[in-house]
Protein backbone atom coordinates (compact mmCIF):
# COMPACT_ATOMS: atom_id res chain seq x y z
CA MET A 1 2.12 18.67 -12.09
CA CYS A 2 5.37 20.58 -12.65
CA LEU A 3 5.39 21.66 -9.00
CA LEU A 4 4.96 18.06 -7.87
CA LEU A 5 7.81 16.93 -10.13
CA LEU A 6 10.05 19.72 -8.85
CA GLY A 7 9.10 18.96 -5.25
CA SER A 8 9.87 15.26 -5.67
CA LEU A 9 13.29 16.02 -7.18
CA LEU A 10 14.07 18.41 -4.33
CA VAL A 11 13.15 15.95 -1.56
CA VAL A 12 15.11 13.17 -3.33
CA ALA A 13 18.21 15.39 -3.53
CA LEU A 14 17.77 16.50 0.10
CA TYR A 15 17.32 12.93 1.32
CA LEU A 16 20.39 11.65 -0.53
CA ALA A 17 22.78 14.54 0.15
CA TYR A 18 21.88 15.92 3.59
CA GLY A 19 24.32 15.11 6.39
CA LEU A 20 26.52 12.68 4.46
CA PRO A 21 29.54 11.60 6.56
CA LYS A 22 33.15 11.59 5.37
CA ARG A 23 32.81 7.96 4.33
CA TRP A 24 29.80 8.79 2.23
CA GLN A 25 29.85 5.70 -0.01
CA TYR A 26 28.19 3.38 2.52
CA ALA A 27 25.65 5.98 3.66
CA LEU A 28 24.74 6.86 0.06
CA ASN A 29 24.31 3.19 -0.87
CA TYR A 30 22.08 2.67 2.17
CA ARG A 31 19.97 5.70 1.26
CA LEU A 32 19.66 4.57 -2.37
CA ILE A 33 18.26 1.21 -1.24
CA SER A 34 15.79 2.95 1.05
CA LEU A 35 14.89 5.39 -1.73
CA SER A 36 14.24 2.52 -4.15
CA ALA A 37 11.89 0.86 -1.64
CA ILE A 38 10.08 4.17 -1.14
CA GLY A 39 9.64 4.62 -4.89
CA LEU A 40 8.25 1.12 -5.41
CA THR A 41 5.91 1.48 -2.43
CA ALA A 42 4.69 4.88 -3.63
CA ILE A 43 3.88 3.55 -7.11
CA ALA A 44 2.11 0.45 -5.78
CA ILE A 45 -0.01 2.25 -3.17
CA ALA A 46 -0.88 5.21 -5.42
CA PHE A 47 -2.01 3.01 -8.30
CA SER A 48 -3.89 0.49 -6.15
CA THR A 49 -5.77 3.20 -4.22
CA MET A 50 -6.57 5.14 -7.38
CA ILE A 51 -8.05 2.07 -9.13
CA PHE A 52 -9.91 0.95 -6.00
CA GLN A 53 -11.52 4.34 -5.38
CA ALA A 54 -12.55 4.57 -9.03
CA LEU A 55 -14.25 1.18 -8.81
CA VAL A 56 -16.13 1.86 -5.56
CA ASN A 57 -16.70 5.53 -6.49
CA ASN A 58 -15.72 6.66 -3.01
CA ARG A 59 -12.81 8.88 -1.89
CA ILE A 60 -12.72 7.58 1.69
CA LEU A 61 -12.26 3.83 1.09
CA THR A 62 -8.85 2.27 0.38
CA PRO A 63 -7.64 -1.29 -0.41
CA SER A 64 -6.70 -1.77 3.25
CA ILE A 65 -10.41 -2.29 3.95
CA LEU A 66 -10.07 -5.74 2.29
CA GLY A 67 -8.04 -6.93 5.29
CA LEU A 68 -4.73 -7.59 3.50
CA ASP A 69 -2.72 -5.57 6.03
CA TRP A 70 -3.87 -7.74 8.93
CA LEU A 71 -3.44 -10.87 6.81
CA TYR A 72 0.24 -9.94 6.33
CA VAL A 73 0.74 -9.48 10.07
CA SER A 74 -1.05 -12.79 10.68
CA ILE A 75 1.30 -14.57 8.26
CA GLN A 76 4.40 -13.24 10.03
CA LEU A 77 2.96 -14.04 13.44
CA THR A 78 1.94 -17.56 12.39
CA ILE A 79 5.53 -18.31 11.38
CA ILE A 80 6.71 -17.15 14.81
CA PHE A 81 3.91 -19.00 16.58
CA LEU A 82 4.61 -22.33 14.84
CA PHE A 83 8.39 -22.29 14.35
CA GLY A 84 9.74 -19.58 16.67
CA ALA A 85 11.22 -16.16 16.12
CA ASP A 86 14.50 -17.56 14.77
CA ALA A 87 12.65 -19.12 11.83
CA LEU A 88 11.38 -15.70 10.77
CA THR A 89 14.58 -13.74 11.34
CA GLN A 90 16.73 -16.37 9.55
CA MET A 91 14.30 -16.94 6.66
CA ASP A 92 15.49 -15.97 3.20
CA PRO A 93 14.06 -12.47 2.53
CA GLN A 94 13.03 -13.44 -1.00
CA LEU A 95 11.23 -16.51 0.30
CA ASN A 96 9.41 -14.44 2.92
CA PHE A 97 8.46 -11.85 0.28
CA LEU A 98 7.13 -14.49 -2.13
CA LEU A 99 5.35 -16.39 0.64
CA SER A 100 3.63 -13.32 2.09
CA GLY A 101 2.77 -11.77 -1.25
CA GLY A 102 1.65 -15.10 -2.69
CA ILE A 103 -0.68 -15.89 0.22
CA MET A 104 -2.22 -12.41 0.13
CA THR A 105 -2.74 -12.58 -3.63
CA LEU A 106 -4.15 -16.12 -3.43
CA PHE A 107 -6.53 -15.06 -0.67
CA SER A 108 -7.73 -12.15 -2.80
CA LEU A 109 -8.24 -14.37 -5.86
CA LEU A 110 -10.28 -16.90 -3.87
CA PHE A 111 -12.16 -14.06 -2.24
CA TYR A 112 -13.10 -12.54 -5.61
CA TYR A 113 -13.89 -15.94 -7.16
CA PHE A 114 -16.44 -16.95 -4.54
CA LEU A 115 -17.86 -13.45 -4.34
CA PHE A 116 -18.42 -12.95 -8.06
CA LYS A 117 -20.00 -16.38 -8.44
CA ARG A 118 -23.15 -14.71 -7.13
CA GLU A 119 -25.17 -13.14 -9.90
CA ARG A 120 -26.07 -10.08 -7.87
CA ALA A 121 -22.72 -9.64 -6.21
CA ASN A 122 -21.56 -6.03 -6.05
CA LEU A 123 -18.56 -4.11 -4.75
CA PHE A 124 -20.34 -2.96 -1.61
CA PHE A 125 -20.89 -6.58 -0.61
CA LEU A 126 -17.17 -7.14 -1.27
CA LEU A 127 -16.31 -4.27 1.10
CA LEU A 128 -18.56 -5.71 3.80
CA VAL A 129 -16.97 -9.16 3.54
CA GLY A 130 -13.53 -7.54 3.44
CA ILE A 131 -14.21 -5.76 6.73
CA ILE A 132 -15.30 -9.06 8.27
CA PHE A 133 -12.12 -10.82 7.13
CA GLY A 134 -9.99 -7.92 8.34
CA THR A 135 -11.59 -8.14 11.78
CA PHE A 136 -11.06 -11.91 11.78
CA PHE A 137 -7.34 -11.61 10.95
CA GLN A 138 -6.94 -8.88 13.56
CA SER A 139 -8.60 -11.06 16.21
CA LEU A 140 -6.46 -14.04 15.17
CA THR A 141 -3.34 -11.90 15.47
CA THR A 142 -4.33 -10.69 18.94
CA PHE A 143 -5.04 -14.27 20.05
CA MET A 144 -1.62 -15.52 18.92
CA GLU A 145 0.14 -12.50 20.45
CA VAL A 146 -1.21 -13.53 23.85
CA LEU A 147 0.20 -17.04 23.46
CA ILE A 148 3.69 -16.34 22.12
CA ASP A 149 6.79 -15.71 24.20
CA PRO A 150 6.96 -12.08 25.42
CA ASN A 151 10.49 -11.82 24.03
CA GLU A 152 9.11 -12.51 20.54
CA PHE A 153 6.41 -9.88 20.84
CA GLN A 154 8.75 -7.08 19.70
CA ILE A 155 9.41 -8.90 16.44
CA VAL A 156 5.66 -9.03 15.84
CA GLN A 157 5.39 -5.31 16.54
CA ASP A 158 8.13 -4.60 14.00
CA ALA A 159 6.17 -6.53 11.37
CA SER A 160 3.01 -4.57 12.17
CA PHE A 161 4.44 -1.25 10.98
CA ALA A 162 6.05 -0.38 7.66
CA SER A 163 9.77 0.31 7.79
CA PHE A 164 12.18 1.57 5.14
CA ASN A 165 15.24 1.13 7.35
CA LYS A 166 15.72 -2.63 6.95
CA VAL A 167 14.91 -3.23 3.28
CA ASN A 168 16.87 -6.09 1.74
CA SER A 169 18.34 -5.16 -1.64
CA GLU A 170 17.72 -8.70 -2.93
CA ILE A 171 13.96 -8.19 -2.61
CA LEU A 172 13.97 -4.90 -4.51
CA TRP A 173 14.73 -6.46 -7.90
CA LEU A 174 12.03 -9.08 -7.44
CA ALA A 175 9.48 -6.53 -6.24
CA ALA A 176 10.38 -4.10 -9.03
CA GLY A 177 9.96 -6.76 -11.72
CA LEU A 178 6.56 -7.83 -10.43
CA LEU A 179 5.41 -4.25 -9.85
CA PHE A 180 6.28 -2.89 -13.29
CA ALA A 181 4.75 -5.93 -15.01
CA VAL A 182 1.44 -5.27 -13.22
CA ILE A 183 1.65 -1.49 -13.83
CA ALA A 184 2.26 -2.09 -17.55
CA TYR A 185 -0.92 -4.14 -17.64
CA ALA A 186 -2.95 -1.61 -15.62
CA VAL A 187 -1.88 1.53 -17.51
CA ARG A 188 -3.94 0.62 -20.56
CA TYR A 189 -7.12 0.81 -18.46
CA LEU A 190 -6.57 4.40 -17.27
CA ASN A 191 -8.94 5.82 -19.86
CA VAL A 192 -11.57 3.24 -18.91
CA LEU A 193 -11.28 4.34 -15.27
CA ASP A 194 -12.70 7.72 -16.33
CA VAL A 195 -15.90 5.87 -17.23
CA LEU A 196 -15.87 3.41 -14.30
CA ALA A 197 -15.59 6.31 -11.87
CA LEU A 198 -19.01 7.54 -13.05
CA GLY A 199 -20.63 4.54 -11.38
CA ARG A 200 -21.85 1.09 -12.33
CA ASP A 201 -25.04 2.09 -14.13
CA GLN A 202 -23.43 4.87 -16.15
CA ALA A 203 -20.49 2.66 -17.14
CA ILE A 204 -22.81 -0.11 -18.34
CA ASN A 205 -24.91 2.40 -20.29
CA LEU A 206 -21.75 3.62 -22.03
CA GLY A 207 -20.91 0.08 -23.16
CA VAL A 208 -18.26 -0.90 -20.61
CA ASP A 209 -18.03 -4.52 -19.44
CA TYR A 210 -18.30 -3.43 -15.81
CA ARG A 211 -18.31 -6.90 -14.24
CA GLY A 212 -15.34 -8.21 -16.23
CA LEU A 213 -13.24 -5.07 -15.80
CA SER A 214 -14.02 -4.95 -12.09
CA LYS A 215 -12.69 -8.48 -11.66
CA ARG A 216 -9.46 -7.77 -13.56
CA LEU A 217 -8.80 -4.43 -11.87
CA LEU A 218 -9.53 -5.80 -8.40
CA ILE A 219 -6.90 -8.49 -9.04
CA VAL A 220 -4.47 -5.70 -10.02
CA VAL A 221 -5.33 -3.88 -6.76
CA ALA A 222 -4.74 -7.06 -4.74
CA ILE A 223 -1.35 -7.75 -6.36
CA LEU A 224 -0.13 -4.16 -5.96
CA THR A 225 -1.25 -4.02 -2.33
CA SER A 226 0.40 -7.38 -1.65
CA ILE A 227 3.69 -6.24 -3.20
CA ALA A 228 3.80 -3.00 -1.18
CA THR A 229 2.84 -4.72 2.08
CA ALA A 230 5.24 -7.65 1.64
CA LEU A 231 8.06 -5.24 0.74
CA VAL A 232 7.94 -2.78 3.65
CA GLY A 233 4.91 -3.67 5.78
CA PRO A 234 1.41 -2.17 6.13
CA ILE A 235 0.78 1.58 5.74
CA THR A 236 -2.94 1.92 6.30
CA PHE A 237 -3.68 5.59 5.59
CA LEU A 238 -1.09 6.47 2.93
CA GLY A 239 -3.39 5.75 0.00
CA LEU A 240 -6.25 7.74 1.53
CA LEU A 241 -3.98 10.72 2.21
CA VAL A 242 -2.27 10.70 -1.18
CA MET A 243 -5.34 10.26 -3.40
CA ASN A 244 -7.44 12.90 -1.64
CA LEU A 245 -4.61 15.44 -1.72
CA THR A 246 -4.07 14.62 -5.40
CA LEU A 247 -7.74 15.31 -6.15
CA GLU A 248 -7.47 18.59 -4.24
CA PHE A 249 -4.37 19.77 -6.15
CA ILE A 250 -5.14 18.36 -9.60
CA ARG A 251 -8.48 19.76 -10.70
CA SER A 252 -9.13 16.99 -13.18
CA HIS A 253 -10.96 13.68 -13.32
CA HIS A 254 -8.79 12.21 -16.08
CA TYR A 255 -6.81 9.34 -14.62
CA ARG A 256 -3.95 9.74 -17.08
CA LEU A 257 -3.22 12.99 -15.21
CA LEU A 258 -4.15 11.74 -11.74
CA ALA A 259 -1.94 8.62 -11.90
CA PRO A 260 1.48 10.35 -12.25
CA ALA A 261 0.39 13.12 -9.88
CA ALA A 262 -0.58 10.58 -7.20
CA VAL A 263 2.73 8.73 -7.60
CA LEU A 264 4.75 11.97 -7.30
CA LEU A 265 2.77 13.08 -4.25
CA ALA A 266 3.27 9.67 -2.63
CA ILE A 267 7.02 9.94 -3.28
CA VAL A 268 7.14 13.43 -1.76
CA THR A 269 5.16 12.24 1.28
CA LEU A 270 7.25 9.13 1.92
CA ILE A 271 10.67 10.65 1.26
CA GLY A 272 9.85 13.79 3.21
CA GLY A 273 8.53 11.71 6.09
CA GLN A 274 11.55 9.40 6.04
CA PHE A 275 13.85 12.44 6.07
CA VAL A 276 12.09 13.77 9.16
CA VAL A 277 12.26 10.37 10.88
CA SER A 278 15.94 9.78 10.12
CA GLN A 279 17.43 13.28 10.40
CA LEU A 280 15.19 15.17 12.82
CA LEU A 281 13.71 12.44 15.03
CA ASN A 282 16.79 10.17 14.92
CA PHE A 283 14.65 7.05 14.27
CA SER A 284 12.76 7.48 17.54
CA THR A 285 9.61 6.41 15.70
CA THR A 286 8.67 4.86 12.36
CA LEU A 287 7.34 6.58 9.28
CA SER A 288 4.15 4.50 9.20
CA VAL A 289 3.19 5.72 12.69
CA ILE A 290 3.43 9.34 11.55
CA ILE A 291 1.53 8.70 8.32
CA ASN A 292 -1.20 6.73 10.09
CA PHE A 293 -1.55 9.49 12.68
CA ILE A 294 -1.84 12.26 10.08
CA GLY A 295 -3.97 10.06 7.81
CA GLY A 296 -6.33 9.22 10.68
CA ILE A 297 -6.87 12.91 11.43
CA TYR A 298 -7.42 13.62 7.74
CA PHE A 299 -9.89 10.73 7.54
CA ILE A 300 -11.94 12.26 10.37
CA TYR A 301 -11.79 15.62 8.58
CA LEU A 302 -13.13 14.04 5.38
CA LEU A 303 -15.99 12.41 7.27
CA LEU A 304 -16.95 15.66 8.97
CA ARG A 305 -16.75 17.63 5.73
CA ARG A 306 -18.82 15.00 3.94
CA ASN A 307 -21.54 15.21 6.61
CA GLN A 308 -21.67 19.00 6.20
């Protein structure tokens, strides 16, 4: 834990101080905004993935399997498809953030409501339906991409990948307020996650209200995922990468230790990756492309190791 804290402080100092120009005030302010977005995204994705994996008792699955990433892209593309690219680019950033996050959260709430109305509904059925919805939103996005003006296609591509280069400072305060309110609610369930991670039957035998807690924590997962996605865009494999590396480094199954470790590791990953993108690659690619590439390889490695 101390090494992760030291590593996060080092990458933060390196990111803020490296290569500052003579007129450093503007560059430092720009980097502080980007750093704030990275911190909020790291907290949201680390917590949401940690809770989700504890509920489904699986280290390979992440909240992105629910289809919220493709729903976000579909929302941005629908605005362009109906009103044109100017409507999206000129929209108030706070309005876009609230609209995207609100629709994703509302979709998740309706999804959970209709799912848990069934007496025998379980989380594996939720994952199956989530995959179906994700495929539907992806197909809908592809269909609209074919119909829109080719000049507007680049705007859609920008919305399909997370970016920390164009974060609006007005959104940060709104996202931070919502994020920390949800985290304050979720922190009190960290001890219960130790029991939930044992599985449904064991949790029920130990006196935990599995069905009720699952509903509340899945809503927390949906809100956190919506905040992170609406703030910077979708990062599919970050949660998978961070949580599995956390479990490799922190030899503990107590979530009060895993939670801060996962957040610190997510911060190190995002800030280190953004430093490479901005200083070494000169913004020739985006951070989400690198993370998804590395995360995809790591996902295949986990599958192969699990089969062995």
